Amino acid sequence: MAVTDGLGDLYALLGVQSDASDEEIKRAYRARARELHPDTNQGDPESEARFKQVTVAYEVLRDPERRARYDRLGPEGVFGPQAGGAGGFGFDGGLGDIFEAFFGQMAGGGTRRRGPQTGADAEVRLGLEFAEAVFGCQKEISVRLPSPCATCAGRGTAPGTDPVTCVDCQGSGELRRVRQSLLGQVVTSVACSRCSGSGEMIPNPCADCRGEGRRMEESTFTVEVPAGVEDGLTLRLADRGAAGQRGGPSGSLFVHLSVTPDARFERQGDNLHTTLTVGVAQAALGTETEVESLDGPQRLTVGPGTQHGHVERIRGLGVPHLRGRGRGDLFVHVLVAIPGDLTSEQDELLRQFAASRGEDVSPPGTTGGEGVFSRLRSAFG
């Protein structure tokens, strides 16, 4: 579909009135372009199409002759056959060139950094036990990445030699080119391919690294894992990634944490949840017992009349706050176990207890598996 399809009212596209001044039109376009630019809405084709339409609208309304023709004849006056079609509104120059020409460094078109470029970032996965994630730990990791060449100290030159100025970019590290766009002549710059943006050439490269200034090596170091991390968290270690070419700074190493679950505890934020099973008599009469925590066994009082599912809270025995002081809490969910293997004496005692409370219960021999099978044998015997 052409850019000019479905443009509608050009003034409405920019959000101005038909009697707007040139300065008002210019300000409105800048605001709309910032909002809709593809760099701001990556992966959104609708915003990109809208951006193109807004730019076309501005190109028409900023030109006095085109604007007058549009005001008299409408879209046909500037986009129709009598206007020579829409060929003058192509985007062959690229959206980035348009935005850079209008807003300069706001579009990321700042001056390219001369000299060796920063090395690439790297990633590694680190497994942790549940307690290690909660309390923090030190873990050793090994990575195989480009590291500065020891022979040439990362310079890439053979011993006793020096780099020379790049003949293509004359030491600037970039090549400039001029192209035509909607907004006129646009100057863009790209990294020099001969020197990779460093501005220097290596006539006598190091024999060990072949002029790269780095070699692939495996290194082992210790990672400080802070207390309170959780599964899926990523630690960023600056300057631990791949070394840059010819003395360029190293990138970052991103350590993705994978925490093994603990069968005893469930983590919810900085709080821990666990269960404690007690008997019917303990729940009814109360008891003193022990409950597990990551800090070791803890004494817990179960009050008389505790119901199944009751939750006790023990403050300060949860996960340390990753950002800030203190810890979360430990929540103990009390489960009341109903016995299913009563002896005849226990059965009788429970029946007496039920009778004293006026509770109806099933008669003897009607609830156990033996009673059921006995009745079946009697029915078919």
Protein backbone atom coordinates (compact mmCIF):
# COMPACT_ATOMS: atom_id res chain seq x y z
CA MET A 1 0.00 0.00 0.00
CA ALA A 2 1.37 3.46 -0.84
CA VAL A 3 2.27 5.87 1.93
CA THR A 4 -0.34 8.32 0.68
CA ASP A 5 -3.21 5.78 0.86
CA GLY A 6 -5.69 6.66 3.60
CA LEU A 7 -3.95 9.90 4.58
CA GLY A 8 -7.15 11.78 5.27
CA ASP A 9 -6.89 15.38 6.49
CA LEU A 10 -3.21 16.41 6.58
CA TYR A 11 -3.85 19.05 9.23
CA ALA A 12 -5.60 16.49 11.43
CA LEU A 13 -2.65 14.11 11.01
CA LEU A 14 -0.39 16.72 12.61
CA GLY A 15 -3.02 17.84 15.10
CA VAL A 16 -3.17 21.48 13.96
CA GLN A 17 -5.82 23.82 12.53
CA SER A 18 -5.93 24.72 8.84
CA ASP A 19 -4.75 28.26 9.64
CA ALA A 20 -1.72 27.08 11.67
CA SER A 21 1.51 28.98 11.22
CA ASP A 22 4.66 27.40 9.79
CA GLU A 23 6.19 27.31 13.29
CA GLU A 24 3.11 25.57 14.73
CA ILE A 25 3.22 22.96 11.96
CA LYS A 26 6.91 22.38 12.58
CA ARG A 27 6.44 21.94 16.34
CA ALA A 28 3.47 19.61 15.81
CA TYR A 29 5.44 17.43 13.40
CA ARG A 30 8.36 17.12 15.77
CA ALA A 31 6.07 16.02 18.59
CA ARG A 32 4.24 13.48 16.42
CA ALA A 33 7.49 12.17 14.91
CA ARG A 34 9.00 11.55 18.34
CA GLU A 35 5.86 9.68 19.37
CA LEU A 36 5.62 7.48 16.28
CA HIS A 37 9.24 6.97 15.28
CA PRO A 38 10.12 3.27 14.68
CA ASP A 39 12.99 3.44 17.18
CA THR A 40 10.43 4.23 19.88
CA ASN A 41 7.88 1.65 18.69
CA GLN A 42 10.03 -1.26 17.60
CA GLY A 43 8.10 -4.05 15.93
CA ASP A 44 4.92 -1.97 15.53
CA PRO A 45 4.13 -1.71 11.78
CA GLU A 46 1.11 0.50 12.47
CA SER A 47 3.24 3.16 14.17
CA GLU A 48 5.78 3.00 11.33
CA ALA A 49 3.05 3.50 8.72
CA ARG A 50 1.63 6.38 10.74
CA PHE A 51 5.08 7.93 11.01
CA LYS A 52 5.44 7.88 7.22
CA GLN A 53 2.04 9.50 6.75
CA VAL A 54 2.81 12.23 9.29
CA THR A 55 6.09 12.95 7.49
CA VAL A 56 4.30 13.19 4.13
CA ALA A 57 1.75 15.56 5.69
CA TYR A 58 4.53 17.76 7.01
CA GLU A 59 6.37 17.79 3.68
CA VAL A 60 3.21 19.07 1.98
CA LEU A 61 2.22 21.67 4.58
CA ARG A 62 5.72 23.10 5.10
CA ASP A 63 5.96 23.98 1.39
CA PRO A 64 3.90 27.13 0.62
CA GLU A 65 3.12 26.08 -2.96
CA ARG A 66 2.07 22.54 -2.07
CA ARG A 67 0.06 23.76 0.90
CA ALA A 68 -1.83 26.27 -1.23
CA ARG A 69 -2.56 23.58 -3.83
CA TYR A 70 -3.77 21.22 -1.08
CA ASP A 71 -6.01 23.94 0.40
CA ARG A 72 -7.58 24.60 -3.02
CA LEU A 73 -7.82 21.11 -4.49
CA GLY A 74 -7.44 18.71 -1.58
CA PRO A 75 -5.32 15.51 -1.77
CA GLU A 76 -5.71 15.29 -5.56
CA GLY A 77 -3.91 18.59 -5.87
CA VAL A 78 -0.70 17.20 -4.39
CA PHE A 79 -0.97 13.42 -4.80
CA GLY A 80 -3.06 13.07 -7.96
CA PRO A 81 -1.87 12.79 -11.58
CA GLN A 82 -1.87 16.57 -12.01
CA ALA A 83 0.66 16.80 -9.18
CA GLY A 84 2.97 14.22 -10.70
CA GLY A 85 1.94 11.40 -8.36
CA ALA A 86 3.52 10.61 -5.03
CA GLY A 87 6.91 9.75 -6.36
CA GLY A 88 8.47 12.69 -4.52
CA PHE A 89 7.49 11.14 -1.21
CA GLY A 90 9.45 7.89 -1.34
CA PHE A 91 11.40 6.65 1.65
CA ASP A 92 14.42 5.26 -0.10
CA GLY A 93 16.66 7.30 2.17
CA GLY A 94 15.49 5.30 5.20
CA LEU A 95 13.46 6.37 8.21
CA GLY A 96 16.56 6.68 10.34
CA ASP A 97 18.01 9.30 7.94
CA ILE A 98 14.80 11.34 8.08
CA PHE A 99 14.69 11.40 11.85
CA GLU A 100 18.42 12.04 12.18
CA ALA A 101 18.22 14.98 9.79
CA PHE A 102 15.45 16.55 11.84
CA PHE A 103 16.46 15.79 15.41
CA GLY A 104 20.18 15.09 15.19
CA GLN A 105 21.55 13.24 18.22
CA MET A 106 18.06 12.64 19.64
CA ALA A 107 17.77 9.78 17.14
CA GLY A 108 20.98 8.20 18.30
CA GLY A 109 22.97 9.89 15.51
CA GLY A 110 25.73 11.20 17.76
CA THR A 111 29.38 11.15 16.84
CA ARG A 112 30.82 7.63 16.65
CA ARG A 113 33.33 6.82 19.34
CA ARG A 114 36.79 6.65 17.85
CA GLY A 115 39.13 3.90 18.95
CA PRO A 116 38.75 0.22 19.83
CA GLN A 117 35.16 -0.87 20.23
CA THR A 118 33.72 -2.56 23.32
CA GLY A 119 33.64 -6.37 23.23
CA ALA A 120 30.44 -8.36 23.01
CA ASP A 121 28.32 -9.24 26.03
CA ALA A 122 28.12 -12.88 27.08
CA GLU A 123 25.68 -15.07 29.03
CA VAL A 124 26.06 -18.00 31.40
CA ARG A 125 23.65 -19.98 33.59
CA LEU A 126 24.41 -20.61 37.27
CA GLY A 127 22.58 -23.22 39.37
CA LEU A 128 21.86 -22.54 43.06
CA GLU A 129 20.43 -24.55 45.90
CA PHE A 130 17.40 -23.03 47.61
CA ALA A 131 19.32 -22.03 50.74
CA GLU A 132 22.14 -20.53 48.65
CA ALA A 133 19.66 -18.23 46.95
CA VAL A 134 18.09 -17.24 50.27
CA PHE A 135 21.27 -16.52 52.22
CA GLY A 136 23.66 -15.67 49.38
CA CYS A 137 26.88 -17.45 48.54
CA GLN A 138 30.09 -17.45 46.55
CA LYS A 139 30.11 -19.61 43.43
CA GLU A 140 32.85 -20.35 40.95
CA ILE A 141 32.00 -20.19 37.27
CA SER A 142 34.08 -20.92 34.18
CA VAL A 143 33.60 -19.17 30.86
CA ARG A 144 35.38 -19.44 27.53
CA LEU A 145 35.58 -15.99 25.94
CA PRO A 146 37.96 -13.77 23.95
CA SER A 147 40.57 -12.40 26.38
CA PRO A 148 43.37 -9.85 25.87
CA CYS A 149 46.39 -11.43 24.17
CA ALA A 150 49.25 -11.74 26.64
CA THR A 151 51.91 -11.58 23.90
CA CYS A 152 50.98 -8.13 22.59
CA ALA A 153 49.12 -6.88 25.70
CA GLY A 154 45.99 -6.58 23.60
CA ARG A 155 47.45 -4.15 21.03
CA GLY A 156 47.44 -6.63 18.16
CA THR A 157 50.92 -5.59 16.95
CA ALA A 158 54.07 -7.65 16.74
CA PRO A 159 56.69 -6.85 19.41
CA GLY A 160 58.58 -3.65 18.59
CA THR A 161 56.01 -2.38 16.07
CA ASP A 162 53.18 0.14 16.24
CA PRO A 163 49.86 0.67 14.48
CA VAL A 164 49.54 3.20 11.65
CA THR A 165 46.74 5.56 10.70
CA CYS A 166 43.99 3.95 8.61
CA VAL A 167 44.28 5.00 4.96
CA ASP A 168 40.51 4.87 4.36
CA CYS A 169 39.18 6.99 7.22
CA GLN A 170 42.38 8.91 7.94
CA GLY A 171 42.18 8.00 11.61
CA SER A 172 38.60 9.15 12.23
CA GLY A 173 37.25 5.59 12.56
CA GLU A 174 34.25 6.40 10.38
CA LEU A 175 33.27 7.00 6.79
CA ARG A 176 30.76 9.68 5.85
CA ARG A 177 28.36 9.60 2.95
CA VAL A 178 25.82 12.06 1.57
CA ARG A 179 22.37 11.06 0.37
CA GLN A 180 19.14 12.78 -0.55
CA SER A 181 16.05 12.38 1.64
CA LEU A 182 12.71 14.05 2.17
CA LEU A 183 14.37 16.76 4.19
CA GLY A 184 17.11 17.45 1.68
CA GLN A 185 20.76 16.46 1.84
CA VAL A 186 21.59 14.13 4.72
CA VAL A 187 25.08 13.22 5.91
CA THR A 188 25.41 9.84 7.61
CA SER A 189 28.41 8.03 9.02
CA VAL A 190 29.32 4.36 9.38
CA ALA A 191 32.21 2.60 11.05
CA CYS A 192 35.20 2.19 8.81
CA SER A 193 35.26 -1.41 7.63
CA ARG A 194 39.03 -1.48 7.13
CA CYS A 195 39.95 -0.57 10.72
CA SER A 196 36.66 -1.57 12.42
CA GLY A 197 36.25 1.97 13.73
CA SER A 198 39.59 2.13 15.53
CA GLY A 199 41.19 4.60 13.13
CA GLU A 200 44.35 2.47 13.01
CA MET A 201 45.77 -0.34 10.89
CA ILE A 202 48.11 -3.15 11.93
CA PRO A 203 50.82 -3.63 9.26
CA ASN A 204 52.74 -6.11 11.46
CA PRO A 205 50.17 -8.17 13.37
CA CYS A 206 50.97 -10.23 16.46
CA ALA A 207 51.72 -13.82 15.49
CA ASP A 208 49.70 -15.26 18.39
CA CYS A 209 46.45 -13.31 17.98
CA ARG A 210 46.86 -12.38 14.28
CA GLY A 211 46.27 -8.73 14.97
CA GLU A 212 43.04 -9.20 16.93
CA GLY A 213 44.61 -8.27 20.24
CA ARG A 214 42.67 -11.08 21.91
CA ARG A 215 42.58 -14.87 22.09
CA MET A 216 39.94 -17.39 23.09
CA GLU A 217 40.66 -18.55 26.63
CA GLU A 218 38.83 -20.21 29.51
CA SER A 219 38.80 -18.34 32.80
CA THR A 220 37.43 -19.21 36.23
CA PHE A 221 36.39 -16.65 38.81
CA THR A 222 34.17 -16.28 41.85
CA VAL A 223 30.73 -14.72 41.68
CA GLU A 224 29.27 -13.05 44.77
CA VAL A 225 25.60 -14.04 44.84
CA PRO A 226 23.71 -11.63 47.13
CA ALA A 227 21.20 -12.90 49.68
CA GLY A 228 17.58 -12.87 48.55
CA VAL A 229 17.99 -13.67 44.86
CA GLU A 230 15.37 -15.85 43.21
CA ASP A 231 14.96 -18.14 40.24
CA GLY A 232 15.18 -16.33 36.90
CA LEU A 233 17.09 -13.32 38.23
CA THR A 234 20.06 -12.11 36.18
CA LEU A 235 23.27 -10.66 37.58
CA ARG A 236 25.26 -8.28 35.38
CA LEU A 237 29.02 -8.43 35.80
CA ALA A 238 30.64 -5.44 34.10
CA ASP A 239 33.89 -6.04 32.17
CA ARG A 240 33.53 -9.83 32.42
CA GLY A 241 32.31 -10.35 28.87
CA ALA A 242 34.35 -10.70 25.69
CA ALA A 243 37.41 -8.48 25.37
CA GLY A 244 37.26 -5.85 22.63
CA GLN A 245 39.56 -5.92 19.63
CA ARG A 246 42.99 -4.33 19.98
CA GLY A 247 42.65 -3.19 23.55
CA GLY A 248 38.97 -2.37 23.46
CA PRO A 249 37.11 -2.64 26.79
CA SER A 250 35.36 -5.89 27.66
CA GLY A 251 31.62 -6.32 27.47
CA SER A 252 29.41 -7.50 30.32
CA LEU A 253 28.71 -11.03 31.49
CA PHE A 254 25.07 -11.76 32.31
CA VAL A 255 24.66 -14.57 34.86
CA HIS A 256 21.17 -16.13 34.74
CA LEU A 257 20.30 -17.78 38.06
CA SER A 258 18.48 -21.12 38.24
CA VAL A 259 17.32 -22.05 41.76
CA THR A 260 16.47 -25.66 42.71
CA PRO A 261 13.13 -25.80 44.59
CA ASP A 262 13.01 -27.06 48.20
CA ALA A 263 10.30 -29.63 48.97
CA ARG A 264 9.84 -28.20 52.48
CA PHE A 265 9.29 -24.55 51.59
CA GLU A 266 7.40 -22.48 49.08
CA ARG A 267 8.66 -18.98 48.42
CA GLN A 268 6.26 -16.11 47.83
CA GLY A 269 8.19 -12.90 47.47
CA ASP A 270 10.39 -12.63 50.57
CA ASN A 271 8.11 -14.86 52.67
CA LEU A 272 8.41 -18.63 53.11
CA HIS A 273 5.55 -21.07 53.59
CA THR A 274 5.75 -24.53 55.13
CA THR A 275 3.38 -27.09 56.69
CA LEU A 276 3.14 -28.70 60.12
CA THR A 277 1.05 -31.83 60.68
CA VAL A 278 -0.49 -32.42 64.15
CA GLY A 279 -2.91 -35.02 65.52
CA VAL A 280 -6.54 -34.45 66.41
CA ALA A 281 -5.84 -34.44 70.15
CA GLN A 282 -2.90 -32.03 69.71
CA ALA A 283 -5.04 -29.64 67.71
CA ALA A 284 -7.89 -29.86 70.22
CA LEU A 285 -5.82 -29.59 73.39
CA GLY A 286 -2.79 -27.64 72.12
CA THR A 287 0.84 -28.66 72.10
CA GLU A 288 4.47 -27.51 72.00
CA THR A 289 6.30 -28.83 68.94
CA GLU A 290 9.12 -28.11 66.53
CA VAL A 291 8.81 -26.80 62.98
CA GLU A 292 11.49 -26.74 60.31
CA SER A 293 13.00 -23.48 59.07
CA LEU A 294 16.05 -22.60 57.00
CA ASP A 295 17.63 -21.40 60.24
CA GLY A 296 17.10 -24.76 61.96
CA PRO A 297 14.28 -26.22 64.10
CA GLN A 298 12.02 -23.67 65.79
CA ARG A 299 9.74 -24.16 68.81
CA LEU A 300 6.10 -23.46 68.01
CA THR A 301 3.05 -23.36 70.27
CA VAL A 302 -0.12 -24.82 68.78
CA GLY A 303 -2.98 -23.36 70.78
CA PRO A 304 -5.98 -25.38 72.01
CA GLY A 305 -8.74 -25.63 69.42
CA THR A 306 -6.44 -25.08 66.42
CA GLN A 307 -8.33 -25.75 63.19
CA HIS A 308 -7.10 -27.50 60.06
CA GLY A 309 -5.52 -24.89 57.76
CA HIS A 310 -4.70 -22.44 60.55
CA VAL A 311 -1.60 -20.34 59.77
CA GLU A 312 1.02 -19.35 62.33
CA ARG A 313 3.44 -16.52 61.48
CA ILE A 314 7.05 -16.49 62.65
CA ARG A 315 8.56 -13.10 61.94
CA GLY A 316 12.04 -12.67 60.54
CA LEU A 317 12.62 -16.26 59.37
CA GLY A 318 11.87 -15.64 55.71
CA VAL A 319 14.11 -14.46 52.86
CA PRO A 320 16.47 -11.49 53.36
CA HIS A 321 15.33 -8.44 51.40
CA LEU A 322 17.49 -8.16 48.30
CA ARG A 323 17.27 -4.38 48.33
CA GLY A 324 17.13 -3.18 51.90
CA ARG A 325 17.45 -4.51 55.40
CA GLY A 326 15.53 -7.17 57.24
CA ARG A 327 13.89 -10.42 56.21
CA GLY A 328 10.49 -11.73 55.31
CA ASP A 329 8.46 -14.06 57.54
CA LEU A 330 7.87 -17.80 57.81
CA PHE A 331 4.23 -18.89 57.59
CA VAL A 332 3.39 -22.29 59.08
CA HIS A 333 0.20 -23.92 57.75
CA VAL A 334 -1.17 -26.36 60.33
CA LEU A 335 -2.62 -29.61 58.97
CA VAL A 336 -4.75 -31.75 61.28
CA ALA A 337 -4.29 -35.48 60.56
CA ILE A 338 -7.40 -37.64 61.01
CA PRO A 339 -6.43 -41.16 62.18
CA GLY A 340 -7.69 -44.04 60.04
CA ASP A 341 -6.29 -47.05 61.96
CA LEU A 342 -8.03 -46.87 65.38
CA THR A 343 -7.83 -49.77 67.77
CA SER A 344 -11.04 -50.97 69.40
CA GLU A 345 -10.13 -49.10 72.60
CA GLN A 346 -9.50 -45.85 70.69
CA ASP A 347 -12.72 -46.33 68.76
CA GLU A 348 -14.66 -46.73 71.99
CA LEU A 349 -13.06 -43.65 73.55
CA LEU A 350 -13.93 -41.53 70.52
CA ARG A 351 -17.51 -42.78 70.62
CA GLN A 352 -17.77 -41.80 74.27
CA PHE A 353 -16.32 -38.38 73.41
CA ALA A 354 -18.83 -37.92 70.56
CA ALA A 355 -21.70 -38.97 72.82
CA SER A 356 -20.66 -36.45 75.45
CA ARG A 357 -20.79 -33.69 72.82
CA GLY A 358 -24.10 -34.89 71.35
CA GLU A 359 -22.55 -35.71 67.97
CA ASP A 360 -24.05 -38.46 65.81
CA VAL A 361 -21.54 -40.99 64.48
CA SER A 362 -21.86 -44.18 62.45
CA PRO A 363 -22.50 -47.39 64.39
CA PRO A 364 -19.64 -49.83 64.94
CA GLY A 365 -18.70 -51.98 61.90
CA THR A 366 -20.22 -49.66 59.27
CA THR A 367 -17.19 -47.54 58.38
CA GLY A 368 -14.23 -49.93 58.27
CA GLY A 369 -13.30 -51.96 55.22
CA GLU A 370 -13.76 -55.29 57.14
CA GLY A 371 -17.34 -54.46 58.04
CA VAL A 372 -18.22 -53.72 54.41
CA PHE A 373 -16.75 -56.99 53.13
CA SER A 374 -18.45 -58.91 55.96
CA ARG A 375 -21.82 -57.55 54.86
CA LEU A 376 -21.07 -58.44 51.23
CA ARG A 377 -20.18 -62.00 52.17
CA SER A 378 -23.38 -62.31 54.20
CA ALA A 379 -25.47 -61.03 51.28
CA PHE A 380 -24.04 -63.49 48.77
CA GLY A 381 -23.26 -66.38 51.13
